[in-house]
Each structure stands twice: as C-alpha cells, then as structure tokens.
Amino acid sequence: MNSTKIALITGGSRGIGKNVALRLADKGLDVILTYHSGEKEAKAVVAEIEEKGRKAKAFQFDAGKPVATIDEFVIEVSAYLKETYDLEKFDYLINNAGVGGHGSLKTVTEEVFDKMFQIQFKSVFFLTQKLVPLLNDKGGIINVSSGLTHFTFPNTSVYASAKGAIEVSTRVWAAELAKRQIRVNTVAPGATQTDFNGGVTRDNPEMNKAVSNLTLLGRPGFPEDIGGVISFLCTDDAFWINAQRIEVAGGTSL
C-alpha cells in the first residue's frame, strides 16, 4: 500500500504557488502542479522538488478556457496517478491559479468581468467538481482567496467579488463533503511581493509603502509567509480545521 500523500496545486510555477509546492515537498508530499504559460519555470520547480527527494509533475492548464477542457486535464492526471503510483486518487487539491485586475464600477467592461469570474470562480468550481471523485477520503481542499474580501480598496470590486464567491463555496463544499471527511478551507493572502498583477506590490515603492503602513507587521507579505500556512493545511496536524477562512496578511487594515 502506497502511504505517500499527493497534492495537486494549480498555478504552481511561480509566486505563492511555487513556494507552496516546495513547502509541500519539505513536508514529505509528492506534488502535481499546473502552469499556464511558464513551462520552463514549472519544470524548474519540478526539478527542485525532485532534489528534495519527492516526485513531481507539471501539467499545462488554462483556467480561462471553457469548462469542457477540464475533462482533458482530469484524464491526464488520472493517467499519471495510475502510471506513477498505481493509484486512482490523490489527497489534497489547492486552487491557487488566478489573475489580477483592477477596474472601477465606471470602467469595468463585460469582457473583463466575465474573464475575472471565469478564472477566479467558474474554473475553480468546475475543476473541483471534476477532481473531487479523485480525492481520497480524509483529504482536503484549500481555496486561495484574497484579503480584499475583508479590507476594501477602490477599483477591486470584480476581483474581490469573484474571490468572495469561492469563499462562500468553501463553506458549502465543506458541508457537502463532510461524510467523506474531506476538509475545505480558504486561505486569504494580503498583498504579497510577487509578479502577480504586474508585480505592483513588489516593484512599486509607493504601493509597497502604502501596504506597509496598513500592516501591523510593517511590510507586505512574501510567498514564504503564505506557503507555510497552505502546506500546513495539507497535513494531519490540521485535520480539525474545516470550513474556515484563514487570512494571512500580517494584520492588515484592522
């Protein structure tokens, strides 16, 4: 019997997702990760994980494509599990892939609105729906949201609303999957110094200072501030955490 735990994380080639993937390997998990266009970066993450003595595999996945394309991805994952482990299921799903975007009530177009909800909510919803049959009982789902569902900044209503939708779904899914003891939680990072949304928090001194002034710990987050929390949720030590929204933002806008 294979006792190895396996986690699948979307958007695992860079930023927070990359750090999560590496922290999962540190905790003894094997990792399946997806990337949108950064194949080279994804392969580099796989190599780092393998250097840690764990197995890893990267798959291309585009959350902006129609829901029907998810079936192809699920078939690929199933085949990989069978070929590599002689297993049909894995243990943890981390819905991390996303896209940034700002726009006011006055300026947001229907195209931007639809794209944001497609990537941040619709794709997450149906990917989870199609992967739940592949999850082991007593496994877990972690949905990556945003501190912007808690603290309010102008020009973020569409992004924050899409993230809010997945937070509500988190609680409902936890109830629906309770009989299988699959835990479902949300992790909501604050502003984090990555290339997300054009790297504005990392590279714009004014934005970096503004976030620092609003944060009790005096700076924006780093990927490693978030990765440790998400990877912890993929352990038995976190089994009694369920249907929760965990904000990981250093104490922002309290």
Foldseek 3Di string as FASTA:
>chain_A
DDPAAEEEEEQLLFFLNVLLQQVLLVVRHEYEYEHAPPPVSNVVSQVSSVVSVHHYYYDYDDLQDDLVCLVVVLVVVQVCCCVPPVARAHFEYEYDDAADDFAAPVGDDPVNLVSRLSRLPVSVVSNCVVRVVRHAQLGEYEYEAACCCPDPDGRCVSRNVSSVVVLVVQLVVLVVCVVSLYAGEYEHEYAEQTCGPNRCCNPPVVNQQVFLVQAPVRTFHYSNLRSVVVSVCRDPVVSPDHSYYHYRTNHGND
